[in-house]
Amino acid sequence: MVCYLPYDPEFPFVFEAIRKLIQATLGSITVEHVGSTAIPGIGGRGVLDIAVPTTAEEYPGVQAAMLELGFQDSPFPHYLPLLAGRFKWDATEYPVLLYLIPPESSVYQDWLKFRDHMRSNAADASAYDTVKRQVIGLDSVDAEQYQVNKTPFIQSVARKIQ
């Protein structure tokens, strides 16, 4: 079951620590904070979504390095290569989903556009937070239903961004 968690002001610091750890391991690879935790003021499940654009040739080495850092192949069925982990920051453990995704992927490009739009558009960000509260507030909503139920709002913002 999914429960709503308010935005945690520690998210940017947690992401930055993870980014530095990944780059210390892999060099100057791009590491992007995407998803709700990348947008100040937006609540949700409290999971840090991190995208690492990775070509097919780079994938095996990047995946092996991330497994060495403690990430695991995700137990969740998902449409992208996904690793899951937890990162301890102060006394809190933060769940992390790490997407190893081709840099030319439209999904990756759309994530960045959506994040940047939400960071610069307070009205849409507030509306998104409201939608997430409502979706999570539904009886017996699981992670898959959560994704499905918030999709119409995300699609409407995507059309606006285009």
N, C-alpha and C. Protein backbone atom coordinates (compact mmCIF):
# COMPACT_ATOMS: atom_id res chain seq x y z
N MET A 1 0.82 -1.18 0.00
CA MET A 1 0.00 0.00 0.00
C MET A 1 0.88 1.26 0.00
N VAL A 2 0.38 2.28 -0.61
CA VAL A 2 1.10 3.54 -0.72
C VAL A 2 0.51 4.53 0.28
N CYS A 3 1.37 5.27 0.95
CA CYS A 3 0.87 6.34 1.81
C CYS A 3 1.57 7.64 1.42
N TYR A 4 0.85 8.74 1.63
CA TYR A 4 1.36 10.06 1.26
C TYR A 4 2.33 10.54 2.34
N LEU A 5 3.49 11.00 1.90
CA LEU A 5 4.47 11.63 2.78
C LEU A 5 4.71 13.05 2.29
N PRO A 6 4.71 14.02 3.18
CA PRO A 6 4.98 15.40 2.74
C PRO A 6 6.42 15.52 2.24
N TYR A 7 6.67 16.57 1.48
CA TYR A 7 8.02 16.83 0.96
C TYR A 7 9.00 16.94 2.12
N ASP A 8 10.13 16.30 1.96
CA ASP A 8 11.19 16.33 2.97
C ASP A 8 12.29 17.28 2.48
N PRO A 9 12.57 18.37 3.19
CA PRO A 9 13.59 19.32 2.73
C PRO A 9 15.00 18.72 2.68
N GLU A 10 15.17 17.52 3.18
CA GLU A 10 16.46 16.84 3.09
C GLU A 10 16.69 16.18 1.73
N PHE A 11 15.63 16.02 0.93
CA PHE A 11 15.76 15.34 -0.36
C PHE A 11 16.91 15.86 -1.21
N PRO A 12 17.07 17.18 -1.40
CA PRO A 12 18.18 17.65 -2.25
C PRO A 12 19.56 17.25 -1.69
N PHE A 13 19.69 17.24 -0.38
CA PHE A 13 20.97 16.87 0.23
C PHE A 13 21.25 15.38 0.10
N VAL A 14 20.19 14.58 0.26
CA VAL A 14 20.33 13.13 0.09
C VAL A 14 20.72 12.84 -1.35
N PHE A 15 20.01 13.47 -2.31
CA PHE A 15 20.35 13.26 -3.72
C PHE A 15 21.80 13.65 -3.99
N GLU A 16 22.21 14.79 -3.49
CA GLU A 16 23.58 15.26 -3.75
C GLU A 16 24.62 14.28 -3.21
N ALA A 17 24.36 13.71 -2.05
CA ALA A 17 25.28 12.71 -1.49
C ALA A 17 25.33 11.46 -2.37
N ILE A 18 24.17 11.04 -2.85
CA ILE A 18 24.13 9.87 -3.74
C ILE A 18 24.83 10.18 -5.06
N ARG A 19 24.58 11.37 -5.61
CA ARG A 19 25.24 11.78 -6.86
C ARG A 19 26.75 11.73 -6.71
N LYS A 20 27.25 12.29 -5.60
CA LYS A 20 28.70 12.29 -5.37
C LYS A 20 29.25 10.88 -5.23
N LEU A 21 28.52 10.00 -4.58
CA LEU A 21 28.94 8.61 -4.42
C LEU A 21 29.02 7.92 -5.78
N ILE A 22 28.00 8.11 -6.60
CA ILE A 22 27.99 7.49 -7.93
C ILE A 22 29.12 8.05 -8.78
N GLN A 23 29.32 9.36 -8.76
CA GLN A 23 30.38 9.96 -9.57
C GLN A 23 31.77 9.62 -9.04
N ALA A 24 31.90 9.41 -7.75
CA ALA A 24 33.19 8.97 -7.20
C ALA A 24 33.53 7.57 -7.71
N THR A 25 32.50 6.79 -7.98
CA THR A 25 32.69 5.43 -8.48
C THR A 25 32.87 5.39 -9.99
N LEU A 26 32.10 6.22 -10.72
CA LEU A 26 32.06 6.12 -12.18
C LEU A 26 32.68 7.31 -12.91
N GLY A 27 33.13 8.31 -12.20
CA GLY A 27 33.68 9.48 -12.87
C GLY A 27 32.59 10.50 -13.14
N SER A 28 32.75 11.28 -14.17
CA SER A 28 31.87 12.42 -14.42
C SER A 28 30.57 12.04 -15.13
N ILE A 29 30.04 10.90 -14.81
CA ILE A 29 28.77 10.46 -15.39
C ILE A 29 27.64 11.39 -14.94
N THR A 30 26.65 11.58 -15.79
CA THR A 30 25.49 12.40 -15.45
C THR A 30 24.60 11.63 -14.49
N VAL A 31 24.13 12.32 -13.46
CA VAL A 31 23.21 11.74 -12.48
C VAL A 31 22.13 12.79 -12.26
N GLU A 32 20.89 12.45 -12.58
CA GLU A 32 19.78 13.40 -12.51
C GLU A 32 18.75 12.99 -11.47
N HIS A 33 18.32 13.95 -10.68
CA HIS A 33 17.25 13.75 -9.71
C HIS A 33 15.94 14.02 -10.44
N VAL A 34 15.10 13.02 -10.57
CA VAL A 34 13.82 13.15 -11.25
C VAL A 34 12.72 12.71 -10.29
N GLY A 35 11.48 12.83 -10.69
CA GLY A 35 10.38 12.43 -9.84
C GLY A 35 10.03 13.49 -8.82
N SER A 36 9.06 13.19 -7.99
CA SER A 36 8.51 14.17 -7.06
C SER A 36 9.52 14.69 -6.05
N THR A 37 10.41 13.86 -5.60
CA THR A 37 11.38 14.32 -4.60
C THR A 37 12.33 15.35 -5.16
N ALA A 38 12.35 15.52 -6.48
CA ALA A 38 13.19 16.52 -7.13
C ALA A 38 12.49 17.87 -7.25
N ILE A 39 11.23 17.94 -6.80
CA ILE A 39 10.43 19.14 -6.94
C ILE A 39 10.08 19.66 -5.54
N PRO A 40 10.68 20.75 -5.11
CA PRO A 40 10.39 21.26 -3.77
C PRO A 40 8.89 21.46 -3.52
N GLY A 41 8.44 20.95 -2.38
CA GLY A 41 7.05 21.12 -1.98
C GLY A 41 6.11 20.01 -2.39
N ILE A 42 6.57 19.09 -3.24
CA ILE A 42 5.70 18.02 -3.71
C ILE A 42 5.88 16.80 -2.82
N GLY A 43 4.79 16.34 -2.26
CA GLY A 43 4.83 15.11 -1.47
C GLY A 43 4.60 13.91 -2.36
N GLY A 44 4.58 12.76 -1.75
CA GLY A 44 4.36 11.52 -2.49
C GLY A 44 4.76 10.34 -1.64
N ARG A 45 5.39 9.38 -2.28
CA ARG A 45 5.80 8.16 -1.57
C ARG A 45 7.12 8.32 -0.83
N GLY A 46 7.84 9.39 -1.09
CA GLY A 46 9.12 9.60 -0.41
C GLY A 46 10.26 8.79 -0.99
N VAL A 47 10.13 8.36 -2.23
CA VAL A 47 11.16 7.57 -2.91
C VAL A 47 11.96 8.50 -3.81
N LEU A 48 13.28 8.49 -3.68
CA LEU A 48 14.12 9.28 -4.57
C LEU A 48 14.28 8.53 -5.88
N ASP A 49 13.84 9.15 -6.96
CA ASP A 49 14.02 8.61 -8.31
C ASP A 49 15.25 9.28 -8.90
N ILE A 50 16.20 8.45 -9.32
CA ILE A 50 17.45 8.97 -9.86
C ILE A 50 17.69 8.31 -11.21
N ALA A 51 17.95 9.14 -12.22
CA ALA A 51 18.22 8.64 -13.57
C ALA A 51 19.70 8.81 -13.87
N VAL A 52 20.28 7.74 -14.38
CA VAL A 52 21.67 7.77 -14.83
C VAL A 52 21.65 7.39 -16.31
N PRO A 53 21.75 8.40 -17.20
CA PRO A 53 21.74 8.08 -18.63
C PRO A 53 22.93 7.19 -18.98
N THR A 54 22.60 6.03 -19.55
CA THR A 54 23.61 5.00 -19.79
C THR A 54 23.37 4.36 -21.15
N THR A 55 24.38 4.35 -21.99
CA THR A 55 24.25 3.70 -23.29
C THR A 55 24.26 2.18 -23.10
N ALA A 56 23.85 1.48 -24.14
CA ALA A 56 23.84 0.02 -24.08
C ALA A 56 25.24 -0.53 -23.83
N GLU A 57 26.25 0.13 -24.40
CA GLU A 57 27.63 -0.33 -24.21
C GLU A 57 28.10 -0.11 -22.77
N GLU A 58 27.65 0.97 -22.16
CA GLU A 58 28.06 1.31 -20.79
C GLU A 58 27.29 0.52 -19.73
N TYR A 59 26.12 0.05 -20.11
CA TYR A 59 25.20 -0.53 -19.13
C TYR A 59 25.82 -1.61 -18.24
N PRO A 60 26.47 -2.64 -18.79
CA PRO A 60 26.98 -3.70 -17.90
C PRO A 60 27.95 -3.16 -16.83
N GLY A 61 28.83 -2.26 -17.23
CA GLY A 61 29.79 -1.71 -16.27
C GLY A 61 29.14 -0.82 -15.23
N VAL A 62 28.18 0.00 -15.67
CA VAL A 62 27.47 0.88 -14.74
C VAL A 62 26.63 0.04 -13.78
N GLN A 63 25.94 -0.95 -14.31
CA GLN A 63 25.12 -1.81 -13.45
C GLN A 63 26.01 -2.52 -12.41
N ALA A 64 27.13 -3.07 -12.85
CA ALA A 64 28.03 -3.77 -11.92
C ALA A 64 28.53 -2.83 -10.83
N ALA A 65 28.87 -1.61 -11.21
CA ALA A 65 29.36 -0.63 -10.22
C ALA A 65 28.26 -0.27 -9.23
N MET A 66 27.03 -0.14 -9.70
CA MET A 66 25.93 0.20 -8.80
C MET A 66 25.60 -0.96 -7.86
N LEU A 67 25.72 -2.18 -8.36
CA LEU A 67 25.52 -3.34 -7.50
C LEU A 67 26.60 -3.39 -6.41
N GLU A 68 27.81 -3.00 -6.78
CA GLU A 68 28.91 -2.93 -5.79
C GLU A 68 28.62 -1.88 -4.71
N LEU A 69 27.91 -0.81 -5.08
CA LEU A 69 27.56 0.23 -4.12
C LEU A 69 26.41 -0.18 -3.20
N GLY A 70 25.79 -1.32 -3.49
CA GLY A 70 24.71 -1.80 -2.64
C GLY A 70 23.33 -1.75 -3.26
N PHE A 71 23.23 -1.23 -4.48
CA PHE A 71 21.94 -1.29 -5.16
C PHE A 71 21.68 -2.73 -5.55
N GLN A 72 20.42 -3.05 -5.76
CA GLN A 72 20.03 -4.40 -6.16
C GLN A 72 19.12 -4.31 -7.36
N ASP A 73 19.12 -5.39 -8.15
CA ASP A 73 18.13 -5.44 -9.22
C ASP A 73 16.76 -5.32 -8.58
N SER A 74 15.92 -4.53 -9.17
CA SER A 74 14.63 -4.25 -8.58
C SER A 74 13.75 -5.49 -8.55
N PRO A 75 13.08 -5.71 -7.43
CA PRO A 75 12.12 -6.81 -7.37
C PRO A 75 10.78 -6.46 -8.02
N PHE A 76 10.64 -5.20 -8.43
CA PHE A 76 9.38 -4.73 -9.00
C PHE A 76 9.39 -4.90 -10.52
N PRO A 77 8.27 -5.35 -11.09
CA PRO A 77 8.21 -5.39 -12.56
C PRO A 77 8.18 -3.94 -13.05
N HIS A 78 9.02 -3.64 -13.99
CA HIS A 78 9.12 -2.27 -14.45
C HIS A 78 9.55 -2.26 -15.91
N TYR A 79 9.24 -1.18 -16.59
CA TYR A 79 9.53 -1.12 -18.01
C TYR A 79 10.93 -0.63 -18.34
N LEU A 80 11.69 -0.23 -17.33
CA LEU A 80 13.04 0.25 -17.58
C LEU A 80 14.03 -0.56 -16.74
N PRO A 81 15.27 -0.60 -17.15
CA PRO A 81 16.26 -1.18 -16.24
C PRO A 81 16.26 -0.37 -14.94
N LEU A 82 16.06 -1.06 -13.85
CA LEU A 82 15.85 -0.38 -12.58
C LEU A 82 16.60 -1.10 -11.48
N LEU A 83 17.27 -0.32 -10.66
CA LEU A 83 17.92 -0.85 -9.47
C LEU A 83 17.28 -0.18 -8.27
N ALA A 84 17.21 -0.88 -7.17
CA ALA A 84 16.61 -0.34 -5.96
C ALA A 84 17.64 -0.35 -4.84
N GLY A 85 17.51 0.60 -3.96
CA GLY A 85 18.41 0.66 -2.82
C GLY A 85 17.85 1.53 -1.73
N ARG A 86 18.62 1.65 -0.68
CA ARG A 86 18.28 2.52 0.43
C ARG A 86 19.54 3.30 0.76
N PHE A 87 19.35 4.56 1.15
CA PHE A 87 20.49 5.42 1.47
C PHE A 87 20.24 6.05 2.82
N LYS A 88 21.16 5.85 3.73
CA LYS A 88 21.00 6.41 5.07
C LYS A 88 21.58 7.82 5.11
N TRP A 89 20.76 8.74 5.58
CA TRP A 89 21.15 10.15 5.72
C TRP A 89 20.73 10.55 7.12
N ASP A 90 21.71 10.93 7.93
CA ASP A 90 21.46 11.18 9.35
C ASP A 90 20.80 9.92 9.93
N ALA A 91 19.65 10.03 10.52
CA ALA A 91 19.01 8.88 11.15
C ALA A 91 17.92 8.26 10.27
N THR A 92 17.79 8.75 9.04
CA THR A 92 16.70 8.31 8.17
C THR A 92 17.23 7.50 7.00
N GLU A 93 16.54 6.41 6.69
CA GLU A 93 16.84 5.64 5.48
C GLU A 93 15.85 6.04 4.39
N TYR A 94 16.39 6.41 3.25
CA TYR A 94 15.58 6.85 2.12
C TYR A 94 15.58 5.76 1.04
N PRO A 95 14.39 5.35 0.58
CA PRO A 95 14.35 4.42 -0.55
C PRO A 95 14.76 5.14 -1.83
N VAL A 96 15.49 4.43 -2.67
CA VAL A 96 15.99 5.01 -3.92
C VAL A 96 15.69 4.05 -5.06
N LEU A 97 15.17 4.60 -6.15
CA LEU A 97 15.04 3.85 -7.40
C LEU A 97 16.00 4.48 -8.39
N LEU A 98 16.89 3.67 -8.92
CA LEU A 98 17.94 4.14 -9.82
C LEU A 98 17.67 3.58 -11.21
N TYR A 99 17.41 4.49 -12.14
CA TYR A 99 17.08 4.11 -13.51
C TYR A 99 18.33 4.26 -14.39
N LEU A 100 18.75 3.18 -15.00
CA LEU A 100 19.84 3.22 -15.98
C LEU A 100 19.15 3.24 -17.34
N ILE A 101 19.14 4.41 -17.93
CA ILE A 101 18.27 4.66 -19.08
C ILE A 101 19.06 5.30 -20.22
N PRO A 102 18.79 4.91 -21.45
CA PRO A 102 19.51 5.52 -22.57
C PRO A 102 19.32 7.04 -22.59
N PRO A 103 20.39 7.79 -22.81
CA PRO A 103 20.29 9.25 -22.79
C PRO A 103 19.37 9.81 -23.86
N GLU A 104 19.20 9.09 -24.96
CA GLU A 104 18.33 9.58 -26.04
C GLU A 104 16.87 9.18 -25.83
N SER A 105 16.60 8.44 -24.77
CA SER A 105 15.25 7.96 -24.50
C SER A 105 14.28 9.12 -24.31
N SER A 106 13.12 9.01 -24.95
CA SER A 106 12.10 10.05 -24.77
C SER A 106 11.59 10.07 -23.34
N VAL A 107 11.58 8.93 -22.68
CA VAL A 107 11.16 8.89 -21.28
C VAL A 107 12.10 9.74 -20.43
N TYR A 108 13.38 9.56 -20.62
CA TYR A 108 14.37 10.33 -19.87
C TYR A 108 14.23 11.82 -20.16
N GLN A 109 14.14 12.19 -21.43
CA GLN A 109 14.00 13.60 -21.81
C GLN A 109 12.71 14.19 -21.23
N ASP A 110 11.63 13.42 -21.26
CA ASP A 110 10.35 13.90 -20.71
C ASP A 110 10.42 14.07 -19.20
N TRP A 111 11.12 13.18 -18.51
CA TRP A 111 11.30 13.33 -17.05
C TRP A 111 11.97 14.67 -16.74
N LEU A 112 13.02 15.00 -17.49
CA LEU A 112 13.73 16.26 -17.25
C LEU A 112 12.84 17.46 -17.53
N LYS A 113 12.10 17.42 -18.63
CA LYS A 113 11.20 18.53 -18.97
C LYS A 113 10.13 18.69 -17.90
N PHE A 114 9.54 17.59 -17.46
CA PHE A 114 8.49 17.64 -16.45
C PHE A 114 9.04 18.21 -15.14
N ARG A 115 10.19 17.70 -14.71
CA ARG A 115 10.82 18.19 -13.48
C ARG A 115 11.10 19.68 -13.56
N ASP A 116 11.71 20.11 -14.65
CA ASP A 116 12.06 21.52 -14.80
C ASP A 116 10.83 22.41 -14.86
N HIS A 117 9.79 21.93 -15.53
CA HIS A 117 8.54 22.69 -15.59
C HIS A 117 7.95 22.84 -14.19
N MET A 118 7.88 21.75 -13.46
CA MET A 118 7.30 21.79 -12.12
C MET A 118 8.11 22.66 -11.17
N ARG A 119 9.42 22.65 -11.32
CA ARG A 119 10.25 23.50 -10.46
C ARG A 119 10.01 24.98 -10.72
N SER A 120 9.60 25.32 -11.93
CA SER A 120 9.43 26.74 -12.27
C SER A 120 7.97 27.16 -12.36
N ASN A 121 7.03 26.25 -12.09
CA ASN A 121 5.62 26.59 -12.20
C ASN A 121 4.91 26.16 -10.91
N ALA A 122 4.80 27.10 -9.98
CA ALA A 122 4.25 26.80 -8.65
C ALA A 122 2.80 26.32 -8.72
N ALA A 123 2.00 26.87 -9.63
CA ALA A 123 0.59 26.47 -9.72
C ALA A 123 0.47 25.00 -10.13
N ASP A 124 1.23 24.58 -11.15
CA ASP A 124 1.19 23.19 -11.57
C ASP A 124 1.76 22.27 -10.50
N ALA A 125 2.81 22.71 -9.82
CA ALA A 125 3.40 21.90 -8.76
C ALA A 125 2.40 21.69 -7.63
N SER A 126 1.71 22.74 -7.25
CA SER A 126 0.71 22.64 -6.18
C SER A 126 -0.44 21.71 -6.61
N ALA A 127 -0.88 21.84 -7.85
CA ALA A 127 -1.94 20.98 -8.36
C ALA A 127 -1.50 19.52 -8.37
N TYR A 128 -0.24 19.28 -8.73
CA TYR A 128 0.29 17.92 -8.74
C TYR A 128 0.30 17.34 -7.33
N ASP A 129 0.69 18.14 -6.36
CA ASP A 129 0.69 17.68 -4.98
C ASP A 129 -0.73 17.32 -4.55
N THR A 130 -1.70 18.13 -4.93
CA THR A 130 -3.09 17.86 -4.59
C THR A 130 -3.56 16.56 -5.22
N VAL A 131 -3.23 16.35 -6.49
CA VAL A 131 -3.59 15.11 -7.18
C VAL A 131 -2.99 13.92 -6.45
N LYS A 132 -1.73 14.03 -6.07
CA LYS A 132 -1.07 12.91 -5.40
C LYS A 132 -1.73 12.61 -4.06
N ARG A 133 -2.09 13.65 -3.31
CA ARG A 133 -2.79 13.45 -2.03
C ARG A 133 -4.12 12.73 -2.26
N GLN A 134 -4.84 13.16 -3.30
CA GLN A 134 -6.14 12.55 -3.59
C GLN A 134 -5.98 11.10 -4.04
N VAL A 135 -5.03 10.85 -4.90
CA VAL A 135 -4.81 9.49 -5.42
C VAL A 135 -4.40 8.56 -4.28
N ILE A 136 -3.49 9.00 -3.45
CA ILE A 136 -3.03 8.17 -2.35
C ILE A 136 -4.13 8.03 -1.30
N GLY A 137 -5.00 9.02 -1.21
CA GLY A 137 -6.08 8.97 -0.25
C GLY A 137 -7.18 7.98 -0.60
N LEU A 138 -7.16 7.44 -1.81
CA LEU A 138 -8.16 6.45 -2.20
C LEU A 138 -8.01 5.19 -1.36
N ASP A 139 -9.09 4.52 -1.13
CA ASP A 139 -9.03 3.28 -0.36
C ASP A 139 -8.24 2.23 -1.12
N SER A 140 -7.36 1.56 -0.42
CA SER A 140 -6.63 0.40 -0.93
C SER A 140 -5.83 0.68 -2.19
N VAL A 141 -5.21 1.83 -2.29
CA VAL A 141 -4.40 2.11 -3.47
C VAL A 141 -3.03 1.45 -3.30
N ASP A 142 -2.64 0.69 -4.31
CA ASP A 142 -1.31 0.09 -4.30
C ASP A 142 -0.42 0.90 -5.24
N ALA A 143 0.85 0.52 -5.32
CA ALA A 143 1.82 1.30 -6.10
C ALA A 143 1.42 1.40 -7.56
N GLU A 144 0.90 0.32 -8.12
CA GLU A 144 0.51 0.35 -9.53
C GLU A 144 -0.71 1.26 -9.75
N GLN A 145 -1.70 1.15 -8.86
CA GLN A 145 -2.87 2.03 -8.98
C GLN A 145 -2.47 3.48 -8.81
N TYR A 146 -1.54 3.73 -7.91
CA TYR A 146 -1.05 5.09 -7.69
C TYR A 146 -0.51 5.68 -8.98
N GLN A 147 0.32 4.90 -9.68
CA GLN A 147 0.89 5.37 -10.94
C GLN A 147 -0.21 5.61 -11.98
N VAL A 148 -1.12 4.67 -12.10
CA VAL A 148 -2.20 4.78 -13.09
C VAL A 148 -3.09 5.98 -12.79
N ASN A 149 -3.44 6.17 -11.53
CA ASN A 149 -4.38 7.23 -11.16
C ASN A 149 -3.82 8.64 -11.30
N LYS A 150 -2.51 8.79 -11.24
CA LYS A 150 -1.95 10.15 -11.39
C LYS A 150 -1.55 10.43 -12.84
N THR A 151 -1.59 9.43 -13.70
CA THR A 151 -1.17 9.57 -15.09
C THR A 151 -1.95 10.63 -15.86
N PRO A 152 -3.27 10.74 -15.73
CA PRO A 152 -3.97 11.78 -16.50
C PRO A 152 -3.45 13.19 -16.21
N PHE A 153 -3.13 13.47 -14.95
CA PHE A 153 -2.59 14.80 -14.64
C PHE A 153 -1.22 14.98 -15.28
N ILE A 154 -0.37 13.98 -15.17
CA ILE A 154 0.97 14.06 -15.76
C ILE A 154 0.87 14.27 -17.27
N GLN A 155 -0.05 13.56 -17.92
CA GLN A 155 -0.22 13.71 -19.36
C GLN A 155 -0.71 15.11 -19.73
N SER A 156 -1.57 15.68 -18.89
CA SER A 156 -2.06 17.03 -19.19
C SER A 156 -0.93 18.05 -19.09
N VAL A 157 -0.06 17.89 -18.12
CA VAL A 157 1.09 18.79 -18.00
C VAL A 157 2.07 18.56 -19.14
N ALA A 158 2.28 17.31 -19.53
CA ALA A 158 3.16 17.00 -20.66
C ALA A 158 2.68 17.67 -21.94
N ARG A 159 1.38 17.65 -22.16
CA ARG A 159 0.82 18.33 -23.36
C ARG A 159 1.08 19.84 -23.27
N LYS A 160 0.95 20.41 -22.09
CA LYS A 160 1.19 21.83 -21.91
C LYS A 160 2.67 22.18 -22.19
N ILE A 161 3.56 21.32 -21.75
CA ILE A 161 5.00 21.56 -21.93
C ILE A 161 5.34 21.49 -23.42
N GLN A 162 4.71 20.58 -24.16
CA GLN A 162 5.00 20.44 -25.60
C GLN A 162 4.61 21.71 -26.29
